Amino acid sequence: EKLPAEDLLPGDVVVLEAGHRVPADLRVLDCTDSALAESSAITGESLAEKRTSNAMDGTPPPSIMDATNVLWSGTSIVQG
């Protein structure tokens, strides 16, 4: 079922494909090995960044901005 972004609630599952705009801040539950997201508006990175569903390792944990298992509202899926 398609919903407007403003109707999404915590816990909703969103399916995205290449070319889609990310409608809200999301945790990646599953993705292809080659998933790439364009986040330049937020991160300033000019290249698309790899995304994964794997939890980030580290003590202390990395910054949420460095997490590869998160997608940010307003960014877009380039591949995967």
PDB file of N, CA and C in Angstrom:
ATOM      1  N   GLU A   1       0.844  -1.179   0.000  1.00  0.00           N
ATOM      2  CA  GLU A   1       0.000   0.000   0.000  1.00  0.00           C
ATOM      3  C   GLU A   1       0.889   1.243   0.000  1.00  0.00           C
ATOM      4  N   LYS A   2       0.582   2.195  -0.837  1.00  0.00           N
ATOM      5  CA  LYS A   2       1.356   3.439  -0.899  1.00  0.00           C
ATOM      6  C   LYS A   2       0.759   4.453   0.063  1.00  0.00           C
ATOM      7  N   LEU A   3       1.645   5.081   0.846  1.00  0.00           N
ATOM      8  CA  LEU A   3       1.233   6.107   1.806  1.00  0.00           C
ATOM      9  C   LEU A   3       2.045   7.373   1.575  1.00  0.00           C
ATOM     10  N   PRO A   4       1.461   8.522   1.840  1.00  0.00           N
ATOM     11  CA  PRO A   4       2.271   9.745   1.823  1.00  0.00           C
ATOM     12  C   PRO A   4       3.296   9.685   2.953  1.00  0.00           C
ATOM     13  N   ALA A   5       4.453  10.296   2.754  1.00  0.00           N
ATOM     14  CA  ALA A   5       5.530  10.262   3.749  1.00  0.00           C
ATOM     15  C   ALA A   5       5.051  10.734   5.119  1.00  0.00           C
ATOM     16  N   GLU A   6       4.176  11.729   5.150  1.00  0.00           N
ATOM     17  CA  GLU A   6       3.716  12.262   6.446  1.00  0.00           C
ATOM     18  C   GLU A   6       2.839  11.274   7.218  1.00  0.00           C
ATOM     19  N   ASP A   7       2.378  10.198   6.563  1.00  0.00           N
ATOM     20  CA  ASP A   7       1.571   9.186   7.241  1.00  0.00           C
ATOM     21  C   ASP A   7       2.400   8.016   7.767  1.00  0.00           C
ATOM     22  N   LEU A   8       3.710   8.008   7.484  1.00  0.00           N
ATOM     23  CA  LEU A   8       4.567   6.932   7.994  1.00  0.00           C
ATOM     24  C   LEU A   8       4.709   7.046   9.502  1.00  0.00           C
ATOM     25  N   LEU A   9       4.765   5.890  10.165  1.00  0.00           N
ATOM     26  CA  LEU A   9       4.922   5.824  11.613  1.00  0.00           C
ATOM     27  C   LEU A   9       6.140   4.989  11.958  1.00  0.00           C
ATOM     28  N   PRO A  10       6.731   5.198  13.145  1.00  0.00           N
ATOM     29  CA  PRO A  10       7.841   4.335  13.565  1.00  0.00           C
ATOM     30  C   PRO A  10       7.414   2.866  13.496  1.00  0.00           C
ATOM     31  N   GLY A  11       8.273   2.049  12.909  1.00  0.00           N
ATOM     32  CA  GLY A  11       7.984   0.628  12.767  1.00  0.00           C
ATOM     33  C   GLY A  11       7.438   0.258  11.400  1.00  0.00           C
ATOM     34  N   ASP A  12       6.993   1.236  10.608  1.00  0.00           N
ATOM     35  CA  ASP A  12       6.524   0.941   9.253  1.00  0.00           C
ATOM     36  C   ASP A  12       7.685   0.435   8.413  1.00  0.00           C
ATOM     37  N   VAL A  13       7.406  -0.467   7.504  1.00  0.00           N
ATOM     38  CA  VAL A  13       8.403  -1.001   6.589  1.00  0.00           C
ATOM     39  C   VAL A  13       8.207  -0.319   5.238  1.00  0.00           C
ATOM     40  N   VAL A  14       9.302   0.192   4.685  1.00  0.00           N
ATOM     41  CA  VAL A  14       9.270   0.917   3.412  1.00  0.00           C
ATOM     42  C   VAL A  14      10.136   0.159   2.412  1.00  0.00           C
ATOM     43  N   VAL A  15       9.591  -0.126   1.241  1.00  0.00           N
ATOM     44  CA  VAL A  15      10.338  -0.806   0.180  1.00  0.00           C
ATOM     45  C   VAL A  15      10.781   0.250  -0.827  1.00  0.00           C
ATOM     46  N   LEU A  16      12.091   0.299  -1.069  1.00  0.00           N
ATOM     47  CA  LEU A  16      12.663   1.288  -1.989  1.00  0.00           C
ATOM     48  C   LEU A  16      13.441   0.595  -3.091  1.00  0.00           C
ATOM     49  N   GLU A  17      13.496   1.228  -4.248  1.00  0.00           N
ATOM     50  CA  GLU A  17      14.270   0.737  -5.383  1.00  0.00           C
ATOM     51  C   GLU A  17      15.075   1.888  -5.959  1.00  0.00           C
ATOM     52  N   ALA A  18      15.993   1.571  -6.847  1.00  0.00           N
ATOM     53  CA  ALA A  18      16.801   2.601  -7.505  1.00  0.00           C
ATOM     54  C   ALA A  18      15.893   3.654  -8.115  1.00  0.00           C
ATOM     55  N   GLY A  19      16.242   4.914  -7.887  1.00  0.00           N
ATOM     56  CA  GLY A  19      15.465   6.029  -8.393  1.00  0.00           C
ATOM     57  C   GLY A  19      14.465   6.581  -7.394  1.00  0.00           C
ATOM     58  N   HIS A  20      14.196   5.845  -6.316  1.00  0.00           N
ATOM     59  CA  HIS A  20      13.245   6.307  -5.311  1.00  0.00           C
ATOM     60  C   HIS A  20      13.870   7.334  -4.375  1.00  0.00           C
ATOM     61  N   ARG A  21      13.068   8.284  -3.946  1.00  0.00           N
ATOM     62  CA  ARG A  21      13.457   9.246  -2.917  1.00  0.00           C
ATOM     63  C   ARG A  21      13.121   8.629  -1.566  1.00  0.00           C
ATOM     64  N   VAL A  22      14.005   8.783  -0.593  1.00  0.00           N
ATOM     65  CA  VAL A  22      13.784   8.236   0.746  1.00  0.00           C
ATOM     66  C   VAL A  22      12.784   9.151   1.464  1.00  0.00           C
ATOM     67  N   PRO A  23      11.611   8.630   1.879  1.00  0.00           N
ATOM     68  CA  PRO A  23      10.552   9.472   2.416  1.00  0.00           C
ATOM     69  C   PRO A  23      10.717   9.868   3.876  1.00  0.00           C
ATOM     70  N   ALA A  24      11.574   9.185   4.615  1.00  0.00           N
ATOM     71  CA  ALA A  24      11.763   9.454   6.042  1.00  0.00           C
ATOM     72  C   ALA A  24      13.108   8.864   6.461  1.00  0.00           C
ATOM     73  N   ASP A  25      13.603   9.244   7.624  1.00  0.00           N
ATOM     74  CA  ASP A  25      14.807   8.603   8.146  1.00  0.00           C
ATOM     75  C   ASP A  25      14.468   7.139   8.400  1.00  0.00           C
ATOM     76  N   LEU A  26      15.294   6.232   7.880  1.00  0.00           N
ATOM     77  CA  LEU A  26      14.984   4.804   7.929  1.00  0.00           C
ATOM     78  C   LEU A  26      16.183   3.978   8.365  1.00  0.00           C
ATOM     79  N   ARG A  27      15.907   2.871   9.015  1.00  0.00           N
ATOM     80  CA  ARG A  27      16.913   1.844   9.310  1.00  0.00           C
ATOM     81  C   ARG A  27      16.803   0.804   8.213  1.00  0.00           C
ATOM     82  N   VAL A  28      17.923   0.385   7.633  1.00  0.00           N
ATOM     83  CA  VAL A  28      17.932  -0.613   6.558  1.00  0.00           C
ATOM     84  C   VAL A  28      17.811  -1.999   7.186  1.00  0.00           C
ATOM     85  N   LEU A  29      16.745  -2.717   6.823  1.00  0.00           N
ATOM     86  CA  LEU A  29      16.535  -4.073   7.325  1.00  0.00           C
ATOM     87  C   LEU A  29      17.085  -5.118   6.378  1.00  0.00           C
ATOM     88  N   ASP A  30      17.049  -4.823   5.076  1.00  0.00           N
ATOM     89  CA  ASP A  30      17.524  -5.758   4.061  1.00  0.00           C
ATOM     90  C   ASP A  30      17.821  -4.970   2.792  1.00  0.00           C
ATOM     91  N   CYS A  31      18.884  -5.337   2.098  1.00  0.00           N
ATOM     92  CA  CYS A  31      19.210  -4.678   0.833  1.00  0.00           C
ATOM     93  C   CYS A  31      20.171  -5.552   0.047  1.00  0.00           C
ATOM     94  N   THR A  32      20.343  -5.220  -1.222  1.00  0.00           N
ATOM     95  CA  THR A  32      21.299  -5.947  -2.051  1.00  0.00           C
ATOM     96  C   THR A  32      22.719  -5.567  -1.639  1.00  0.00           C
ATOM     97  N   ASP A  33      23.675  -6.392  -2.013  1.00  0.00           N
ATOM     98  CA  ASP A  33      25.075  -6.116  -1.683  1.00  0.00           C
ATOM     99  C   ASP A  33      25.600  -4.865  -2.363  1.00  0.00           C
ATOM    100  N   SER A  34      24.945  -4.454  -3.446  1.00  0.00           N
ATOM    101  CA  SER A  34      25.438  -3.319  -4.206  1.00  0.00           C
ATOM    102  C   SER A  34      24.603  -2.053  -3.975  1.00  0.00           C
ATOM    103  N   ALA A  35      23.847  -1.987  -2.887  1.00  0.00           N
ATOM    104  CA  ALA A  35      22.971  -0.840  -2.635  1.00  0.00           C
ATOM    105  C   ALA A  35      23.789   0.444  -2.430  1.00  0.00           C
ATOM    106  N   LEU A  36      23.395   1.507  -3.132  1.00  0.00           N
ATOM    107  CA  LEU A  36      24.051   2.809  -3.018  1.00  0.00           C
ATOM    108  C   LEU A  36      23.006   3.889  -2.799  1.00  0.00           C
ATOM    109  N   ALA A  37      23.317   4.829  -1.911  1.00  0.00           N
ATOM    110  CA  ALA A  37      22.427   5.957  -1.650  1.00  0.00           C
ATOM    111  C   ALA A  37      23.175   7.257  -1.887  1.00  0.00           C
ATOM    112  N   GLU A  38      22.510   8.210  -2.506  1.00  0.00           N
ATOM    113  CA  GLU A  38      23.076   9.533  -2.763  1.00  0.00           C
ATOM    114  C   GLU A  38      22.635  10.433  -1.619  1.00  0.00           C
ATOM    115  N   SER A  39      23.586  10.831  -0.774  1.00  0.00           N
ATOM    116  CA  SER A  39      23.295  11.600   0.431  1.00  0.00           C
ATOM    117  C   SER A  39      24.011  12.938   0.456  1.00  0.00           C
ATOM    118  N   SER A  40      24.383  13.459  -0.696  1.00  0.00           N
ATOM    119  CA  SER A  40      25.222  14.661  -0.743  1.00  0.00           C
ATOM    120  C   SER A  40      24.595  15.867  -0.054  1.00  0.00           C
ATOM    121  N   ALA A  41      23.285  15.991  -0.083  1.00  0.00           N
ATOM    122  CA  ALA A  41      22.631  17.136   0.565  1.00  0.00           C
ATOM    123  C   ALA A  41      22.849  17.138   2.072  1.00  0.00           C
ATOM    124  N   ILE A  42      23.073  15.968   2.646  1.00  0.00           N
ATOM    125  CA  ILE A  42      23.258  15.860   4.089  1.00  0.00           C
ATOM    126  C   ILE A  42      24.720  15.730   4.470  1.00  0.00           C
ATOM    127  N   THR A  43      25.448  14.878   3.736  1.00  0.00           N
ATOM    128  CA  THR A  43      26.825  14.566   4.124  1.00  0.00           C
ATOM    129  C   THR A  43      27.870  15.407   3.411  1.00  0.00           C
ATOM    130  N   GLY A  44      27.521  15.965   2.269  1.00  0.00           N
ATOM    131  CA  GLY A  44      28.485  16.712   1.483  1.00  0.00           C
ATOM    132  C   GLY A  44      29.335  15.816   0.585  1.00  0.00           C
ATOM    133  N   GLU A  45      29.167  14.506   0.702  1.00  0.00           N
ATOM    134  CA  GLU A  45      29.911  13.569  -0.142  1.00  0.00           C
ATOM    135  C   GLU A  45      29.393  13.651  -1.575  1.00  0.00           C
ATOM    136  N   SER A  46      30.301  13.725  -2.534  1.00  0.00           N
ATOM    137  CA  SER A  46      29.879  13.843  -3.923  1.00  0.00           C
ATOM    138  C   SER A  46      29.563  12.497  -4.556  1.00  0.00           C
ATOM    139  N   LEU A  47      30.006  11.415  -3.951  1.00  0.00           N
ATOM    140  CA  LEU A  47      29.770  10.082  -4.490  1.00  0.00           C
ATOM    141  C   LEU A  47      28.690   9.366  -3.692  1.00  0.00           C
ATOM    142  N   ALA A  48      27.945   8.509  -4.371  1.00  0.00           N
ATOM    143  CA  ALA A  48      26.948   7.685  -3.687  1.00  0.00           C
ATOM    144  C   ALA A  48      27.667   6.776  -2.690  1.00  0.00           C
ATOM    145  N   GLU A  49      26.998   6.504  -1.569  1.00  0.00           N
ATOM    146  CA  GLU A  49      27.610   5.708  -0.499  1.00  0.00           C
ATOM    147  C   GLU A  49      26.928   4.352  -0.378  1.00  0.00           C
ATOM    148  N   LYS A  50      27.731   3.324  -0.111  1.00  0.00           N
ATOM    149  CA  LYS A  50      27.221   1.966   0.050  1.00  0.00           C
ATOM    150  C   LYS A  50      26.329   1.883   1.282  1.00  0.00           C
ATOM    151  N   ARG A  51      25.262   1.119   1.183  1.00  0.00           N
ATOM    152  CA  ARG A  51      24.360   0.859   2.296  1.00  0.00           C
ATOM    153  C   ARG A  51      24.300  -0.631   2.535  1.00  0.00           C
ATOM    154  N   THR A  52      24.103  -1.019   3.792  1.00  0.00           N
ATOM    155  CA  THR A  52      24.057  -2.414   4.191  1.00  0.00           C
ATOM    156  C   THR A  52      23.038  -2.566   5.315  1.00  0.00           C
ATOM    157  N   SER A  53      22.564  -3.775   5.518  1.00  0.00           N
ATOM    158  CA  SER A  53      21.660  -4.035   6.637  1.00  0.00           C
ATOM    159  C   SER A  53      22.421  -4.488   7.882  1.00  0.00           C
ATOM    160  N   ASN A  54      23.735  -4.648   7.766  1.00  0.00           N
ATOM    161  CA  ASN A  54      24.543  -5.104   8.899  1.00  0.00           C
ATOM    162  C   ASN A  54      24.655  -4.023   9.970  1.00  0.00           C
ATOM    163  N   ALA A  55      24.607  -4.446  11.224  1.00  0.00           N
ATOM    164  CA  ALA A  55      24.808  -3.518  12.337  1.00  0.00           C
ATOM    165  C   ALA A  55      26.248  -3.026  12.324  1.00  0.00           C
ATOM    166  N   MET A  56      26.443  -1.799  12.763  1.00  0.00           N
ATOM    167  CA  MET A  56      27.789  -1.222  12.826  1.00  0.00           C
ATOM    168  C   MET A  56      28.508  -1.755  14.065  1.00  0.00           C
ATOM    169  N   ASP A  57      29.771  -2.111  13.896  1.00  0.00           N
ATOM    170  CA  ASP A  57      30.588  -2.587  15.013  1.00  0.00           C
ATOM    171  C   ASP A  57      31.431  -1.448  15.558  1.00  0.00           C
ATOM    172  N   GLY A  58      31.851  -1.585  16.780  1.00  0.00           N
ATOM    173  CA  GLY A  58      32.774  -0.613  17.337  1.00  0.00           C
ATOM    174  C   GLY A  58      32.449  -0.244  18.761  1.00  0.00           C
ATOM    175  N   THR A  59      33.482   0.069  19.512  1.00  0.00           N
ATOM    176  CA  THR A  59      33.332   0.552  20.873  1.00  0.00           C
ATOM    177  C   THR A  59      34.205   1.781  21.007  1.00  0.00           C
ATOM    178  N   PRO A  60      33.681   2.937  21.197  1.00  0.00           N
ATOM    179  CA  PRO A  60      32.249   3.223  21.242  1.00  0.00           C
ATOM    180  C   PRO A  60      31.639   3.091  19.853  1.00  0.00           C
ATOM    181  N   PRO A  61      30.305   2.972  19.798  1.00  0.00           N
ATOM    182  CA  PRO A  61      29.663   2.845  18.481  1.00  0.00           C
ATOM    183  C   PRO A  61      29.933   4.076  17.629  1.00  0.00           C
ATOM    184  N   PRO A  62      29.993   3.900  16.304  1.00  0.00           N
ATOM    185  CA  PRO A  62      30.225   5.048  15.434  1.00  0.00           C
ATOM    186  C   PRO A  62      29.051   6.024  15.490  1.00  0.00           C
ATOM    187  N   SER A  63      29.303   7.241  15.079  1.00  0.00           N
ATOM    188  CA  SER A  63      28.253   8.252  14.996  1.00  0.00           C
ATOM    189  C   SER A  63      27.142   7.767  14.079  1.00  0.00           C
ATOM    190  N   ILE A  64      25.909   8.123  14.382  1.00  0.00           N
ATOM    191  CA  ILE A  64      24.781   7.744  13.528  1.00  0.00           C
ATOM    192  C   ILE A  64      24.979   8.273  12.109  1.00  0.00           C
ATOM    193  N   MET A  65      25.670   9.389  11.961  1.00  0.00           N
ATOM    194  CA  MET A  65      25.925   9.943  10.630  1.00  0.00           C
ATOM    195  C   MET A  65      26.876   9.068   9.814  1.00  0.00           C
ATOM    196  N   ASP A  66      27.666   8.241  10.490  1.00  0.00           N
ATOM    197  CA  ASP A  66      28.595   7.339   9.813  1.00  0.00           C
ATOM    198  C   ASP A  66      28.007   5.950   9.591  1.00  0.00           C
ATOM    199  N   ALA A  67      26.815   5.709  10.103  1.00  0.00           N
ATOM    200  CA  ALA A  67      26.194   4.392   9.993  1.00  0.00           C
ATOM    201  C   ALA A  67      25.836   4.085   8.539  1.00  0.00           C
ATOM    202  N   THR A  68      26.146   2.885   8.101  1.00  0.00           N
ATOM    203  CA  THR A  68      25.828   2.478   6.733  1.00  0.00           C
ATOM    204  C   THR A  68      24.498   1.731   6.659  1.00  0.00           C
ATOM    205  N   ASN A  69      23.847   1.532   7.810  1.00  0.00           N
ATOM    206  CA  ASN A  69      22.556   0.843   7.825  1.00  0.00           C
ATOM    207  C   ASN A  69      21.402   1.819   8.080  1.00  0.00           C
ATOM    208  N   VAL A  70      21.607   3.086   7.699  1.00  0.00           N
ATOM    209  CA  VAL A  70      20.601   4.130   7.871  1.00  0.00           C
ATOM    210  C   VAL A  70      20.454   4.890   6.553  1.00  0.00           C
ATOM    211  N   LEU A  71      19.220   5.271   6.239  1.00  0.00           N
ATOM    212  CA  LEU A  71      18.937   6.145   5.095  1.00  0.00           C
ATOM    213  C   LEU A  71      18.282   7.408   5.627  1.00  0.00           C
ATOM    214  N   TRP A  72      18.590   8.538   5.023  1.00  0.00           N
ATOM    215  CA  TRP A  72      18.093   9.827   5.509  1.00  0.00           C
ATOM    216  C   TRP A  72      17.000  10.375   4.593  1.00  0.00           C
ATOM    217  N   SER A  73      16.013  10.952   5.205  1.00  0.00           N
ATOM    218  CA  SER A  73      14.913  11.584   4.480  1.00  0.00           C
ATOM    219  C   SER A  73      15.434  12.578   3.447  1.00  0.00           C
ATOM    220  N   GLY A  74      14.895  12.515   2.237  1.00  0.00           N
ATOM    221  CA  GLY A  74      15.291  13.449   1.184  1.00  0.00           C
ATOM    222  C   GLY A  74      16.445  12.984   0.333  1.00  0.00           C
ATOM    223  N   THR A  75      17.121  11.906   0.752  1.00  0.00           N
ATOM    224  CA  THR A  75      18.182  11.349  -0.081  1.00  0.00           C
ATOM    225  C   THR A  75      17.540  10.418  -1.107  1.00  0.00           C
ATOM    226  N   SER A  76      18.331   9.822  -1.962  1.00  0.00           N
ATOM    227  CA  SER A  76      17.746   8.938  -2.967  1.00  0.00           C
ATOM    228  C   SER A  76      18.572   7.682  -3.163  1.00  0.00           C
ATOM    229  N   ILE A  77      17.892   6.647  -3.640  1.00  0.00           N
ATOM    230  CA  ILE A  77      18.535   5.368  -3.899  1.00  0.00           C
ATOM    231  C   ILE A  77      19.075   5.396  -5.331  1.00  0.00           C
ATOM    232  N   VAL A  78      20.352   5.151  -5.474  1.00  0.00           N
ATOM    233  CA  VAL A  78      21.004   5.171  -6.783  1.00  0.00           C
ATOM    234  C   VAL A  78      21.034   3.772  -7.375  1.00  0.00           C
ATOM    235  N   GLN A  79      21.269   2.790  -6.524  1.00  0.00           N
ATOM    236  CA  GLN A  79      21.410   1.403  -6.981  1.00  0.00           C
ATOM    237  C   GLN A  79      21.003   0.481  -5.853  1.00  0.00           C
ATOM    238  N   GLY A  80      20.404  -0.645  -6.213  1.00  0.00           N
ATOM    239  CA  GLY A  80      20.067  -1.661  -5.205  1.00  0.00           C
ATOM    240  C   GLY A  80      18.605  -1.747  -4.914  1.00  0.00           C
TER     241      GLY A  80
END
